[in-house]
């Protein structure tokens, strides 16, 4: 009897070790379904957005119809005379990222693409929780936005979609539009001067509209974007509209001659105080140009 019990115990222990071994291998191999989907989607978008043209350069005339603050931002940041881009890629490493109040803060890598012909934004979160891979996929394409989180490469923690998410993603695309100035020249976006250092921007696409205010400092560096058109998801899946800000600072001249902010924060401006949920340093900004 004792021998039979020991045998069963050893078999169970052996099976447990096999399972643990398989999980360790699965967690550590480079492949993941979320990353593969992201890579495939980006590859498709790059193919769709391959442009042919005459390699146009930005001129002062391109922006002459826009508010003065934006014209001075474009000039002071060094875009005049550079080539018009067809998409933007930004990379962040070791970002402090929280999924919400009273939730753990993760250290993540964040890679995003913003396409220009039509508002489109794809972003990948790569991180881990207690040694277990955690990945997120933010997307906005063809007027549809969403946010998906997956742990252990296979278990979906959340998958948020709907009209509120569509609008939130469109507002995020608008917040980042000054980093890829070709966006500023598109028909889907308009601007209104509020003051010497404030500009209201409005973007309309696929029946959705979002707006917000860009604020510039005396050097005409864009230091913030604020909007009321982003909703935060509650733990029960409900959506609540809370003022949201993107904060930029520490502008530095890149090797390309363009001046970018190095630090970026995303903030929920709750009535009881600001909550910074994304706090990172921009490691690289790159563009794709007309061929």
Foldseek 3Di string as FASTA:
>chain_A
DVVVVVVVVVVVVVVVVVVVVVLVVLQPDPDFPVVVVLVVVVVVVCVVQAFADDQDAAALVLCVVDDPLLSLLCVLQPRGGHTAFQKKKWKFFQKFFALDPPGDTWGWIKIKMAGAPATWIWMKTWTADPSWTKIKIWIADQLWTWIWIDTSSPRTPDIATDPLRSQQSVVVSVFCCSVRVVNVNDPQKDWDDDDNFKIKMWGDHPHHIFIWMFGADPSSHTFKIKGQSHWRADPVRDTHGFIKMKGFDDWDQDPVRGIDTQWIWIWGQDPVGIDTRITTGTPDMDGHGHD
